[in-house]
């Protein structure tokens, strides 16, 4: 039975014995959990980035936190030990759901990382981030090209933006100058659009329609329409929201001086994710008093009187038990969270019913372990002509922990590949990835990579292949001759913002955290998960009447030079007129 204390008494508890200690615990330097005789209890369901973030912020503020996780802490961000590969005292080879990268415009994740101790690192885990220097665009039977990742130097006047971005895109991507200028014009339209237009017009417009992808050259469609959406968010150009894709373009191309960024354009960890980030994080949370209950999933939420009165969880064997808490943070993926909505919950928060209209697709990884190091790029590589929309990174070059320290000691590199299109037939088997066995997926991906990398010489050699590992979230069902995916990805389709809930609503003590919750970053990413958890914690602090400092929330960069144009656009939008730079009005 849930604790039956009034909201007034809960606020009094925190204002009295807890808040003073919490305020001191949140000052710079080492933090420790507040010591209070009657700390309020929070149940966090889900131990991915959102759940761990919520637990971190709440425990620093003196709450008694228990995290329930059904599989493994870290969720899609975690390292995954490859079964059966440990040898001679070395640990298993590190696999993963997909490679991690940390763009400079990520602010919430780095802020958390700085508060996770790691050896002698002065900035904790944050010091384990290393910049990559380039991105490679690989073509099949065509010249590849590389783009250095460094800050530009132009001012963002409309004329300078158009000329510099347009010429830069045309040169870097080797397309006609008119195509580069056209794309720069489209970015200028978005970057100078007011918020009202972004939400009412561009949110409901597909990226392909916005950039007129169906009217442009093959190069334009391949690079700036299809590749940009599928690689970034596994989305299809005809479905992806212009507001979402435009926001990302505004960060990468509309902020050449990286103003407000936390580091360079693109960074990766200097080792396997668990070792470089997640294991130290969990250790820190344990120090703060967080309790973890693993192999346990939430089965039901019971609502009564405008509150969650309790929850039911089940362990791996199916044995159920009740969970009592003062507050409940649901940090599950959207596709799992929406299965918990009861008529009582939907009566209190009717907006949650719209989550049934959210769209999900697949973006999962496969790792190829190699006996010799690769020299593909000092960063990520996009395979432009690959039907399965592949991207990769050679990891050993970035790691201080070398792969020879894992497995049988023979692996010297890992080519970690993300598959973003699971619905288009591949050239080897003529089937989409969803209809391929794991072995067929591995051979098909290798074939598509080879077609890009070996057209000018043998860069990817079969003789060097030690083994491979497919994300275990992908499972093959022989009878149906299809795969299932335990970890689909939310896709920001045009108009989907209205289907995404706020962190808090009509149920007083229920808070939502996850990359489907409305956030400023507005993308299904670790950053979105972290930001949403901070919003959930801030709402919880408000309900609790806590005097503890609120979690810091960051906003995406917008060029201040264009702010006068956005004010003009607000008037134009209110008058039913197009953006002043709209060429296709």
Protein backbone atom coordinates (compact mmCIF):
# COMPACT_ATOMS: atom_id res chain seq x y z
CA UNK A 1 0.00 0.00 0.00
CA UNK A 2 1.43 3.41 -0.99
CA UNK A 3 2.46 5.83 1.70
CA UNK A 4 -0.53 8.04 2.51
CA UNK A 5 1.10 11.37 3.37
CA UNK A 6 -0.32 14.65 2.22
CA UNK A 7 1.42 16.87 -0.32
CA UNK A 8 1.78 19.50 2.40
CA UNK A 9 3.62 17.14 4.74
CA UNK A 10 5.91 15.98 1.94
CA UNK A 11 6.87 19.56 1.19
CA UNK A 12 7.45 20.24 4.85
CA UNK A 13 9.79 17.28 5.16
CA UNK A 14 11.97 18.44 2.29
CA UNK A 15 11.97 22.07 3.31
CA UNK A 16 12.94 21.14 6.83
CA UNK A 17 15.52 18.42 7.29
CA UNK A 18 16.53 17.69 3.68
CA UNK A 19 16.80 20.87 1.66
CA UNK A 20 19.65 22.47 3.59
CA UNK A 21 21.81 19.38 3.27
CA UNK A 22 21.01 18.98 -0.42
CA UNK A 23 21.98 22.54 -1.25
CA UNK A 24 25.42 21.93 0.21
CA UNK A 25 25.74 18.60 -1.56
CA UNK A 26 25.24 20.26 -4.93
CA UNK A 27 28.13 22.69 -4.65
CA UNK A 28 31.20 22.23 -6.84
CA UNK A 29 33.51 19.32 -6.08
CA UNK A 30 32.74 15.97 -4.51
CA UNK A 31 29.10 15.32 -3.72
CA UNK A 32 27.56 13.05 -1.13
CA UNK A 33 23.95 12.06 -0.51
CA UNK A 34 21.99 14.20 1.91
CA UNK A 35 21.52 12.60 5.31
CA UNK A 36 17.89 12.84 6.30
CA UNK A 37 15.88 10.73 8.70
CA UNK A 38 12.91 10.55 6.40
CA UNK A 39 14.00 10.72 2.78
CA UNK A 40 11.21 10.46 0.26
CA UNK A 41 11.22 7.37 -1.92
CA UNK A 42 11.41 7.39 -5.71
CA UNK A 43 10.97 4.31 -7.87
CA UNK A 44 12.69 4.67 -11.26
CA UNK A 45 11.58 2.14 -13.84
CA UNK A 46 14.26 1.73 -16.51
CA UNK A 47 18.03 1.81 -16.16
CA UNK A 48 19.01 3.37 -19.46
CA UNK A 49 20.47 6.85 -19.83
CA UNK A 50 17.16 8.47 -18.82
CA UNK A 51 16.76 6.33 -15.70
CA UNK A 52 20.38 6.69 -14.60
CA UNK A 53 20.19 10.45 -15.10
CA UNK A 54 17.04 10.71 -13.01
CA UNK A 55 18.62 8.58 -10.28
CA UNK A 56 21.75 10.73 -10.34
CA UNK A 57 19.93 14.05 -10.04
CA UNK A 58 17.50 12.80 -7.39
CA UNK A 59 20.09 11.09 -5.21
CA UNK A 60 22.23 14.24 -5.21
CA UNK A 61 19.19 16.05 -3.86
CA UNK A 62 18.62 13.65 -0.99
CA UNK A 63 15.92 11.33 -2.32
CA UNK A 64 15.94 7.60 -1.67
CA UNK A 65 16.09 6.11 -5.17
CA UNK A 66 15.57 2.55 -6.41
CA UNK A 67 16.13 1.74 -10.08
CA UNK A 68 14.35 -1.28 -11.61
CA UNK A 69 15.87 -2.62 -14.85
CA UNK A 70 14.84 -5.76 -16.72
CA UNK A 71 18.01 -6.33 -18.80
CA UNK A 72 21.21 -4.33 -18.28
CA UNK A 73 22.06 -0.90 -16.96
CA UNK A 74 22.85 1.63 -19.67
CA UNK A 75 20.16 0.51 -22.11
CA UNK A 76 21.05 1.05 -25.76
CA UNK A 77 24.18 2.97 -24.73
CA UNK A 78 25.82 0.05 -22.94
CA UNK A 79 28.71 -2.15 -23.99
CA UNK A 80 27.66 -5.78 -24.52
CA UNK A 81 30.17 -8.55 -23.72
CA UNK A 82 30.43 -10.96 -26.65
CA UNK A 83 29.60 -14.39 -25.17
CA UNK A 84 32.31 -17.03 -25.28
CA UNK A 85 35.14 -14.73 -26.30
CA UNK A 86 37.01 -14.43 -22.99
CA UNK A 87 40.38 -16.19 -22.92
CA UNK A 88 43.58 -16.35 -20.87
CA UNK A 89 42.22 -14.05 -18.18
CA UNK A 90 41.11 -11.39 -20.66
CA UNK A 91 37.48 -10.19 -20.62
CA UNK A 92 35.03 -10.74 -23.45
CA UNK A 93 35.27 -8.64 -26.57
CA UNK A 94 33.13 -5.49 -26.23
CA UNK A 95 30.08 -5.35 -28.48
CA UNK A 96 27.42 -2.68 -28.62
CA UNK A 97 23.96 -1.74 -29.83
CA UNK A 98 25.62 0.85 -32.07
CA UNK A 99 28.60 3.16 -31.89
CA UNK A 100 28.43 6.18 -29.58
CA UNK A 101 29.19 9.71 -30.64
CA UNK A 102 28.86 12.99 -28.80
CA UNK A 103 28.34 16.08 -31.00
CA UNK A 104 29.57 19.35 -29.61
CA UNK A 105 26.03 20.67 -29.24
CA UNK A 106 25.33 17.98 -26.63
CA UNK A 107 25.35 19.83 -23.31
CA UNK A 108 23.35 17.72 -20.86
CA UNK A 109 25.33 14.47 -21.21
CA UNK A 110 28.71 16.25 -20.81
CA UNK A 111 27.41 18.09 -17.75
CA UNK A 112 26.54 14.75 -16.17
CA UNK A 113 29.88 13.24 -17.21
CA UNK A 114 31.79 15.94 -15.35
CA UNK A 115 30.10 14.78 -12.15
CA UNK A 116 31.22 11.14 -12.52
CA UNK A 117 34.66 10.54 -11.00
CA UNK A 118 37.16 8.62 -13.12
CA UNK A 119 40.61 7.94 -11.72
CA UNK A 120 42.77 11.07 -11.75
CA UNK A 121 40.71 12.80 -14.46
CA UNK A 122 40.10 16.39 -13.27
CA UNK A 123 36.81 16.47 -15.19
CA UNK A 124 35.78 12.90 -14.47
CA UNK A 125 34.36 10.82 -17.28
CA UNK A 126 34.16 13.91 -19.50
CA UNK A 127 37.92 13.67 -19.98
CA UNK A 128 37.37 10.33 -21.71
CA UNK A 129 35.83 12.12 -24.70
CA UNK A 130 38.20 12.55 -27.63
CA UNK A 131 37.57 14.58 -30.80
CA UNK A 132 37.52 13.04 -34.26
CA UNK A 133 39.14 15.05 -37.01
CA UNK A 134 37.17 14.15 -40.13
CA UNK A 135 34.19 12.44 -41.68
CA UNK A 136 34.52 10.33 -44.82
CA UNK A 137 31.87 9.94 -47.48
CA UNK A 138 32.53 6.69 -49.31
CA UNK A 139 31.06 6.02 -52.76
CA UNK A 140 30.62 2.82 -54.67
CA UNK A 141 32.62 2.94 -57.92
CA UNK A 142 33.26 6.64 -57.44
CA UNK A 143 35.73 8.92 -55.70
CA UNK A 144 35.45 9.15 -51.93
CA UNK A 145 35.86 12.47 -50.17
CA UNK A 146 36.68 13.60 -46.64
CA UNK A 147 35.54 16.68 -44.76
CA UNK A 148 37.78 18.00 -41.96
CA UNK A 149 35.88 18.73 -38.78
CA UNK A 150 37.04 22.16 -37.70
CA UNK A 151 35.48 25.48 -36.88
CA UNK A 152 34.74 27.91 -39.68
CA UNK A 153 35.16 31.66 -39.53
CA UNK A 154 32.30 33.36 -41.34
CA UNK A 155 29.77 35.64 -39.74
CA UNK A 156 26.18 34.61 -40.02
CA UNK A 157 24.78 37.46 -42.03
CA UNK A 158 22.33 36.04 -44.58
CA UNK A 159 24.66 36.80 -47.48
CA UNK A 160 27.74 35.32 -45.80
CA UNK A 161 25.79 32.29 -44.66
CA UNK A 162 24.43 31.58 -48.12
CA UNK A 163 27.71 32.07 -49.94
CA UNK A 164 29.96 30.26 -47.47
CA UNK A 165 27.68 27.33 -46.68
CA UNK A 166 26.56 26.93 -50.27
CA UNK A 167 30.09 26.98 -51.66
CA UNK A 168 31.35 24.76 -48.87
CA UNK A 169 28.68 22.13 -49.41
CA UNK A 170 29.13 22.16 -53.17
CA UNK A 171 32.90 21.78 -52.85
CA UNK A 172 32.93 19.23 -50.03
CA UNK A 173 30.17 17.07 -51.48
CA UNK A 174 31.23 17.56 -55.10
CA UNK A 175 27.92 18.68 -56.47
CA UNK A 176 27.02 21.57 -58.80
CA UNK A 177 27.35 25.01 -57.15
CA UNK A 178 23.68 25.72 -57.85
CA UNK A 179 22.71 22.70 -55.74
CA UNK A 180 24.89 23.85 -52.86
CA UNK A 181 23.40 27.34 -53.01
CA UNK A 182 19.89 25.95 -53.12
CA UNK A 183 20.54 23.89 -49.98
CA UNK A 184 22.07 26.91 -48.24
CA UNK A 185 18.95 28.89 -49.14
CA UNK A 186 16.75 26.22 -47.57
CA UNK A 187 18.83 26.27 -44.38
CA UNK A 188 18.60 30.06 -44.31
CA UNK A 189 14.81 29.81 -44.56
CA UNK A 190 14.73 27.47 -41.58
CA UNK A 191 17.32 29.32 -39.48
CA UNK A 192 15.47 32.62 -39.93
CA UNK A 193 12.06 31.11 -39.14
CA UNK A 194 10.30 32.05 -35.92
CA UNK A 195 9.19 29.43 -33.39
CA UNK A 196 5.57 29.67 -34.44
CA UNK A 197 6.46 28.80 -38.03
CA UNK A 198 8.79 26.01 -36.94
CA UNK A 199 6.08 24.29 -34.92
CA UNK A 200 3.06 25.03 -37.10
CA UNK A 201 4.63 24.70 -40.57
CA UNK A 202 8.01 22.98 -40.54
CA UNK A 203 7.04 20.42 -37.90
CA UNK A 204 4.32 19.24 -40.28
CA UNK A 205 6.49 19.30 -43.41
CA UNK A 206 8.65 16.35 -44.47
CA UNK A 207 12.33 16.96 -45.05
CA UNK A 208 12.08 15.81 -48.68
CA UNK A 209 9.34 18.33 -49.38
CA UNK A 210 11.23 21.10 -47.61
CA UNK A 211 14.42 20.62 -49.63
CA UNK A 212 12.48 19.60 -52.78
CA UNK A 213 14.53 16.41 -52.83
CA UNK A 214 12.39 14.85 -55.55
CA UNK A 215 13.22 17.78 -57.86
CA UNK A 216 16.98 17.87 -57.41
CA UNK A 217 19.94 15.95 -58.84
CA UNK A 218 20.87 12.39 -57.88
CA UNK A 219 23.83 13.70 -55.86
CA UNK A 220 21.63 16.12 -53.95
CA UNK A 221 19.08 13.42 -53.11
CA UNK A 222 21.75 10.91 -52.10
CA UNK A 223 23.73 13.24 -49.85
CA UNK A 224 21.42 15.95 -48.53
CA UNK A 225 18.01 14.33 -48.63
CA UNK A 226 18.35 10.58 -48.04
CA UNK A 227 21.69 10.22 -46.27
CA UNK A 228 21.24 13.14 -43.88
CA UNK A 229 17.97 11.76 -42.48
CA UNK A 230 18.66 8.02 -42.50
CA UNK A 231 22.10 8.22 -40.93
CA UNK A 232 21.16 10.80 -38.30
CA UNK A 233 17.89 9.35 -37.07
CA UNK A 234 17.18 6.26 -39.20
CA UNK A 235 14.33 8.24 -40.72
CA UNK A 236 13.06 8.31 -44.27
CA UNK A 237 13.30 11.64 -46.05
CA UNK A 238 9.63 11.58 -47.01
CA UNK A 239 8.59 11.10 -43.35
CA UNK A 240 11.12 12.99 -41.22
CA UNK A 241 10.03 16.27 -39.65
CA UNK A 242 11.73 19.32 -41.14
CA UNK A 243 11.77 20.93 -37.71
CA UNK A 244 13.84 18.05 -36.30
CA UNK A 245 16.27 17.74 -39.21
CA UNK A 246 16.49 21.53 -39.51
CA UNK A 247 17.39 21.84 -35.83
CA UNK A 248 20.33 19.48 -36.40
CA UNK A 249 21.43 21.37 -39.49
CA UNK A 250 21.29 24.58 -37.49
CA UNK A 251 23.73 23.09 -34.97
CA UNK A 252 26.19 21.59 -37.45
CA UNK A 253 26.09 24.23 -40.21
CA UNK A 254 24.57 27.29 -38.55
CA UNK A 255 27.12 27.52 -35.77
CA UNK A 256 30.50 27.59 -37.54
CA UNK A 257 32.35 29.00 -34.54
CA UNK A 258 30.85 26.33 -32.26
CA UNK A 259 29.53 29.02 -29.93
CA UNK A 260 28.08 27.44 -26.82
CA UNK A 261 29.29 23.98 -27.81
CA UNK A 262 30.81 21.62 -25.29
CA UNK A 263 33.89 20.71 -27.31
CA UNK A 264 34.41 19.92 -30.99
CA UNK A 265 31.86 19.05 -33.62
CA UNK A 266 32.18 15.30 -33.06
CA UNK A 267 33.63 13.29 -30.19
CA UNK A 268 33.77 9.63 -29.16
CA UNK A 269 34.78 7.80 -26.01
CA UNK A 270 38.36 6.61 -25.62
CA UNK A 271 37.29 3.08 -24.72
CA UNK A 272 34.31 0.70 -24.49
CA UNK A 273 31.27 2.55 -23.19
CA UNK A 274 30.92 0.57 -19.98
CA UNK A 275 34.56 0.98 -19.03
CA UNK A 276 34.85 4.64 -20.02
CA UNK A 277 31.47 5.86 -18.80
CA UNK A 278 28.71 3.57 -17.56
CA UNK A 279 30.51 1.45 -14.94
CA UNK A 280 31.95 4.56 -13.22
CA UNK A 281 28.49 6.13 -13.39
CA UNK A 282 26.80 3.19 -11.70
CA UNK A 283 29.57 3.10 -9.08
CA UNK A 284 28.97 6.80 -8.36
CA UNK A 285 25.23 6.25 -8.02
CA UNK A 286 25.81 3.43 -5.56
CA UNK A 287 28.00 5.81 -3.53
CA UNK A 288 25.08 8.25 -3.51
CA UNK A 289 22.83 5.53 -2.10
CA UNK A 290 20.96 4.46 -5.24
CA UNK A 291 19.68 0.90 -5.05
CA UNK A 292 19.49 -1.24 -8.22
CA UNK A 293 17.06 -4.10 -8.74
CA UNK A 294 18.04 -5.94 -11.92
CA UNK A 295 16.27 -8.61 -14.00
CA UNK A 296 13.01 -6.94 -13.00
CA UNK A 297 10.41 -5.24 -15.19
CA UNK A 298 7.37 -3.17 -14.35
CA UNK A 299 4.16 -4.97 -15.23
CA UNK A 300 1.50 -2.50 -14.09
CA UNK A 301 0.87 0.94 -12.62
CA UNK A 302 -2.12 1.44 -10.35
CA UNK A 303 -3.71 4.89 -10.41
CA UNK A 304 -6.13 6.20 -7.79
CA UNK A 305 -7.15 9.68 -6.73
CA UNK A 306 -4.99 11.45 -9.30
CA UNK A 307 -1.84 9.64 -8.17
CA UNK A 308 0.03 6.42 -8.80
CA UNK A 309 -0.87 4.33 -5.76
CA UNK A 310 1.61 1.56 -6.51
CA UNK A 311 3.26 -0.59 -9.15
CA UNK A 312 3.69 -4.27 -9.87
CA UNK A 313 7.04 -5.65 -10.98
CA UNK A 314 8.12 -9.14 -11.96
CA UNK A 315 11.51 -10.82 -11.76
CA UNK A 316 13.02 -13.02 -14.47
CA UNK A 317 11.08 -16.07 -13.31
CA UNK A 318 7.80 -14.14 -13.47
CA UNK A 319 7.29 -13.79 -9.72
CA UNK A 320 5.44 -10.53 -9.11
CA UNK A 321 5.80 -8.11 -6.21
CA UNK A 322 4.46 -4.70 -5.27
CA UNK A 323 6.45 -1.48 -5.32
CA UNK A 324 5.56 1.38 -2.99
CA UNK A 325 7.06 4.83 -3.37
CA UNK A 326 6.21 8.49 -2.95
CA UNK A 327 7.09 9.24 -6.58
CA UNK A 328 7.41 7.16 -9.73
CA UNK A 329 9.69 7.99 -12.66
CA UNK A 330 8.88 5.98 -15.77
CA UNK A 331 12.11 5.93 -17.78
CA UNK A 332 11.14 3.25 -20.28
CA UNK A 333 11.22 3.46 -24.08
CA UNK A 334 7.99 4.81 -25.54
CA UNK A 335 6.94 1.49 -27.05
CA UNK A 336 7.07 -0.11 -23.60
CA UNK A 337 5.74 2.84 -21.59
CA UNK A 338 2.55 3.08 -23.62
CA UNK A 339 1.62 -0.53 -22.79
CA UNK A 340 1.19 0.53 -19.14
CA UNK A 341 -1.54 3.10 -19.72
CA UNK A 342 -4.75 1.98 -18.02
CA UNK A 343 -8.15 3.65 -18.41
CA UNK A 344 -7.53 5.38 -15.06
CA UNK A 345 -4.17 6.72 -16.20
CA UNK A 346 -5.57 7.90 -19.53
CA UNK A 347 -8.46 9.56 -17.74
CA UNK A 348 -5.96 11.64 -15.73
CA UNK A 349 -3.55 12.17 -18.67
CA UNK A 350 -5.60 11.76 -21.87
CA UNK A 351 -2.74 13.15 -23.98
CA UNK A 352 -0.83 9.90 -23.43
CA UNK A 353 -3.21 8.10 -25.80
CA UNK A 354 -1.55 9.95 -28.71
CA UNK A 355 1.63 7.95 -28.09
CA UNK A 356 0.01 5.13 -30.05
CA UNK A 357 0.57 7.25 -33.17
CA UNK A 358 4.32 7.52 -32.68
CA UNK A 359 6.50 5.85 -35.33
CA UNK A 360 9.44 3.55 -34.70
CA UNK A 361 12.08 2.11 -37.00
CA UNK A 362 15.33 0.22 -36.65
CA UNK A 363 18.90 1.45 -36.27
CA UNK A 364 21.11 -1.31 -34.89
CA UNK A 365 24.77 -2.16 -35.09
CA UNK A 366 27.13 -4.95 -36.03
CA UNK A 367 30.81 -5.11 -35.10
CA UNK A 368 33.50 -6.71 -37.26
CA UNK A 369 36.59 -7.68 -35.25
CA UNK A 370 39.77 -7.59 -37.31
CA UNK A 371 43.26 -9.02 -36.94
CA UNK A 372 44.84 -5.93 -38.48
CA UNK A 373 44.09 -2.23 -37.91
CA UNK A 374 42.08 -0.32 -40.51
CA UNK A 375 42.89 3.08 -41.96
CA UNK A 376 39.54 4.28 -43.27
CA UNK A 377 39.07 7.65 -41.58
CA UNK A 378 39.93 9.48 -38.38
CA UNK A 379 36.26 9.58 -37.59
CA UNK A 380 32.98 8.31 -38.99
CA UNK A 381 32.43 7.05 -42.52
CA UNK A 382 29.12 7.24 -44.36
CA UNK A 383 28.56 4.75 -47.19
CA UNK A 384 26.49 6.86 -49.53
CA UNK A 385 25.41 4.18 -52.00
CA UNK A 386 24.80 1.38 -49.50
CA UNK A 387 21.16 0.23 -49.71
CA UNK A 388 21.17 -0.36 -45.97
CA UNK A 389 22.40 3.20 -45.16
CA UNK A 390 25.58 2.17 -43.38
CA UNK A 391 27.91 4.25 -41.23
CA UNK A 392 30.99 3.06 -39.41
CA UNK A 393 33.95 3.97 -37.23
CA UNK A 394 37.23 2.13 -36.66
CA UNK A 395 37.38 2.13 -32.88
CA UNK A 396 40.83 0.97 -31.85
CA UNK A 397 42.47 4.17 -33.15
CA UNK A 398 40.39 6.18 -30.65
CA UNK A 399 40.80 3.91 -27.63
CA UNK A 400 43.42 4.04 -24.91
CA UNK A 401 42.21 0.55 -23.96
CA UNK A 402 43.39 -1.57 -26.87
CA UNK A 403 41.38 -4.46 -28.24
CA UNK A 404 44.28 -6.86 -27.76
CA UNK A 405 43.38 -6.67 -24.05
CA UNK A 406 40.11 -8.48 -24.80
CA UNK A 407 39.12 -11.90 -26.07
CA UNK A 408 41.91 -14.13 -27.33
CA UNK A 409 44.27 -11.18 -27.79
CA UNK A 410 44.27 -11.46 -31.59
CA UNK A 411 41.83 -8.63 -32.33
CA UNK A 412 43.53 -5.36 -33.25
CA UNK A 413 40.58 -3.33 -34.50
CA UNK A 414 36.81 -3.18 -34.47
CA UNK A 415 34.83 -1.77 -37.36
CA UNK A 416 31.58 -0.81 -35.68
CA UNK A 417 28.79 -0.38 -38.24
CA UNK A 418 25.31 1.07 -37.84
CA UNK A 419 22.55 -0.23 -40.12
CA UNK A 420 19.94 2.51 -40.60
CA UNK A 421 17.76 0.99 -43.34
CA UNK A 422 16.31 -2.44 -42.58
CA UNK A 423 13.61 -2.29 -45.27
CA UNK A 424 15.51 -1.99 -48.57
CA UNK A 425 16.77 -5.15 -50.33
CA UNK A 426 20.53 -5.64 -50.37
CA UNK A 427 22.57 -6.68 -53.41
CA UNK A 428 23.86 -10.02 -52.09
CA UNK A 429 20.63 -11.76 -51.07
CA UNK A 430 18.04 -9.45 -52.58
CA UNK A 431 16.29 -9.15 -49.21
CA UNK A 432 15.89 -6.36 -46.64
CA UNK A 433 17.77 -6.80 -43.39
CA UNK A 434 14.52 -7.59 -41.57
CA UNK A 435 14.23 -10.77 -43.63
CA UNK A 436 17.86 -11.89 -43.21
CA UNK A 437 19.35 -14.27 -40.68
CA UNK A 438 22.17 -12.88 -38.53
CA UNK A 439 24.70 -14.66 -40.76
CA UNK A 440 23.11 -13.16 -43.87
CA UNK A 441 23.13 -9.70 -42.27
CA UNK A 442 26.85 -10.01 -41.55
CA UNK A 443 27.67 -11.14 -45.10
CA UNK A 444 25.43 -8.50 -46.66
CA UNK A 445 26.92 -5.66 -44.62
CA UNK A 446 30.44 -6.86 -45.41
CA UNK A 447 29.55 -6.96 -49.10
CA UNK A 448 28.18 -3.41 -49.08
CA UNK A 449 31.20 -2.13 -47.18
CA UNK A 450 33.57 -3.88 -49.59
CA UNK A 451 31.81 -2.37 -52.60
CA UNK A 452 32.62 1.08 -51.21
CA UNK A 453 36.07 0.51 -49.73
CA UNK A 454 37.61 -1.95 -52.19
CA UNK A 455 36.74 -0.30 -55.50
CA UNK A 456 40.20 1.31 -55.67
CA UNK A 457 42.15 -1.41 -53.89
CA UNK A 458 41.64 -4.00 -51.17
CA UNK A 459 41.18 -1.99 -48.00
CA UNK A 460 38.77 -4.39 -46.31
CA UNK A 461 40.24 -7.91 -46.45
CA UNK A 462 38.30 -11.05 -45.64
CA UNK A 463 41.52 -12.67 -44.41
CA UNK A 464 41.68 -10.11 -41.59
CA UNK A 465 38.18 -10.86 -40.30
CA UNK A 466 38.41 -12.47 -36.87
CA UNK A 467 34.70 -12.56 -36.00
CA UNK A 468 31.56 -10.44 -35.90
CA UNK A 469 28.84 -9.60 -33.40
CA UNK A 470 25.29 -8.45 -34.13
CA UNK A 471 23.32 -6.41 -31.60
CA UNK A 472 21.51 -9.07 -29.50
CA UNK A 473 18.38 -6.93 -29.65
CA UNK A 474 18.03 -8.43 -33.13
CA UNK A 475 16.59 -11.94 -32.94
CA UNK A 476 15.81 -14.32 -35.82
CA UNK A 477 12.58 -16.37 -35.93
CA UNK A 478 13.05 -19.29 -38.25
CA UNK A 479 9.37 -20.15 -38.70
CA UNK A 480 8.36 -16.61 -39.66
CA UNK A 481 11.62 -16.10 -41.59
CA UNK A 482 11.91 -12.62 -40.10
CA UNK A 483 13.79 -10.80 -37.38
CA UNK A 484 12.46 -9.00 -34.33
CA UNK A 485 14.02 -5.95 -32.70
CA UNK A 486 13.89 -5.45 -28.94
CA UNK A 487 15.25 -1.90 -29.28
CA UNK A 488 13.50 0.07 -32.02
CA UNK A 489 14.17 3.79 -32.41
CA UNK A 490 11.65 6.61 -32.17
CA UNK A 491 11.42 8.47 -35.48
CA UNK A 492 10.51 12.15 -35.47
CA UNK A 493 8.02 12.02 -38.30
CA UNK A 494 6.29 15.13 -39.58
CA UNK A 495 3.59 16.15 -37.10
CA UNK A 496 4.71 13.79 -34.33
CA UNK A 497 5.45 16.53 -31.77
CA UNK A 498 1.78 16.67 -30.80
CA UNK A 499 1.93 12.94 -29.94
CA UNK A 500 4.79 13.33 -27.49
CA UNK A 501 4.00 14.08 -23.84
CA UNK A 502 5.52 16.46 -21.33
CA UNK A 503 7.52 15.03 -18.44
CA UNK A 504 4.69 15.70 -15.99
CA UNK A 505 0.94 15.99 -16.26
CA UNK A 506 -2.32 15.10 -14.56
CA UNK A 507 -0.96 12.38 -12.27
CA UNK A 508 0.67 14.15 -9.34
CA UNK A 509 3.47 11.67 -8.61
CA UNK A 510 4.15 10.16 -12.06
CA UNK A 511 6.98 11.59 -14.16
CA UNK A 512 8.07 10.52 -17.64
CA UNK A 513 11.68 10.37 -18.83
CA UNK A 514 12.91 9.11 -22.19
CA UNK A 515 13.86 10.37 -25.63
CA UNK A 516 10.19 10.40 -26.68
CA UNK A 517 9.32 13.08 -24.09
CA UNK A 518 9.27 16.64 -25.42
CA UNK A 519 12.73 18.14 -25.16
CA UNK A 520 14.68 21.03 -26.57
CA UNK A 521 17.11 18.76 -28.45
CA UNK A 522 14.10 16.98 -30.00
CA UNK A 523 15.92 13.87 -31.20
CA UNK A 524 15.92 10.22 -30.14
CA UNK A 525 19.39 10.34 -28.58
CA UNK A 526 21.24 9.93 -25.30
CA UNK A 527 21.14 13.71 -25.05
CA UNK A 528 17.36 13.73 -25.37
CA UNK A 529 17.06 11.00 -22.73
CA UNK A 530 19.27 12.94 -20.33
CA UNK A 531 17.44 16.22 -20.90
CA UNK A 532 14.03 14.59 -20.41
CA UNK A 533 15.15 13.07 -17.10
CA UNK A 534 16.27 16.49 -15.87
CA UNK A 535 12.87 17.91 -16.80
CA UNK A 536 11.18 15.06 -14.92
CA UNK A 537 13.30 15.67 -11.82
CA UNK A 538 12.59 19.40 -11.91
CA UNK A 539 8.86 18.68 -12.08
CA UNK A 540 9.19 16.25 -9.18
CA UNK A 541 11.00 18.87 -7.12
CA UNK A 542 8.16 21.30 -7.81
CA UNK A 543 5.55 18.79 -6.68
CA UNK A 544 7.57 17.95 -3.59
CA UNK A 545 7.97 21.62 -2.74
CA UNK A 546 11.72 21.08 -2.59
CA UNK A 547 14.14 23.97 -2.15
CA UNK A 548 16.94 21.96 -3.80
CA UNK A 549 18.56 23.52 -6.87
CA UNK A 550 16.85 22.57 -10.11
CA UNK A 551 18.65 20.54 -12.76
CA UNK A 552 20.33 22.71 -15.33
CA UNK A 553 18.67 22.71 -18.76
CA UNK A 554 20.43 23.86 -21.92
CA UNK A 555 18.99 25.25 -25.14
CA UNK A 556 20.20 24.74 -28.69
CA UNK A 557 22.25 27.47 -30.32
CA UNK A 558 20.66 30.00 -32.63
CA UNK A 559 22.72 32.62 -34.41
CA UNK A 560 21.98 35.94 -32.68
CA UNK A 561 22.68 37.75 -35.95
CA UNK A 562 19.50 36.22 -37.36
CA UNK A 563 17.26 37.14 -34.42
CA UNK A 564 15.98 40.36 -36.07
CA UNK A 565 14.97 38.25 -39.05
CA UNK A 566 13.10 35.83 -36.80
CA UNK A 567 11.14 38.74 -35.32
CA UNK A 568 10.25 39.85 -38.83
CA UNK A 569 9.24 36.30 -39.64
CA UNK A 570 6.97 36.18 -36.59
CA UNK A 571 5.01 39.09 -38.02
CA UNK A 572 4.99 37.56 -41.49
CA UNK A 573 3.79 34.21 -40.17
CA UNK A 574 1.02 35.86 -38.15
CA UNK A 575 -0.06 37.64 -41.34
CA UNK A 576 -0.11 34.36 -43.30
CA UNK A 577 2.98 35.27 -45.37
CA UNK A 578 5.94 32.98 -46.18
CA UNK A 579 9.43 33.41 -44.79
CA UNK A 580 11.19 36.33 -46.47
CA UNK A 581 13.85 34.00 -47.91
CA UNK A 582 11.34 31.47 -49.21
CA UNK A 583 12.15 30.98 -52.87
CA UNK A 584 9.19 28.72 -53.56
CA UNK A 585 6.51 30.94 -52.02
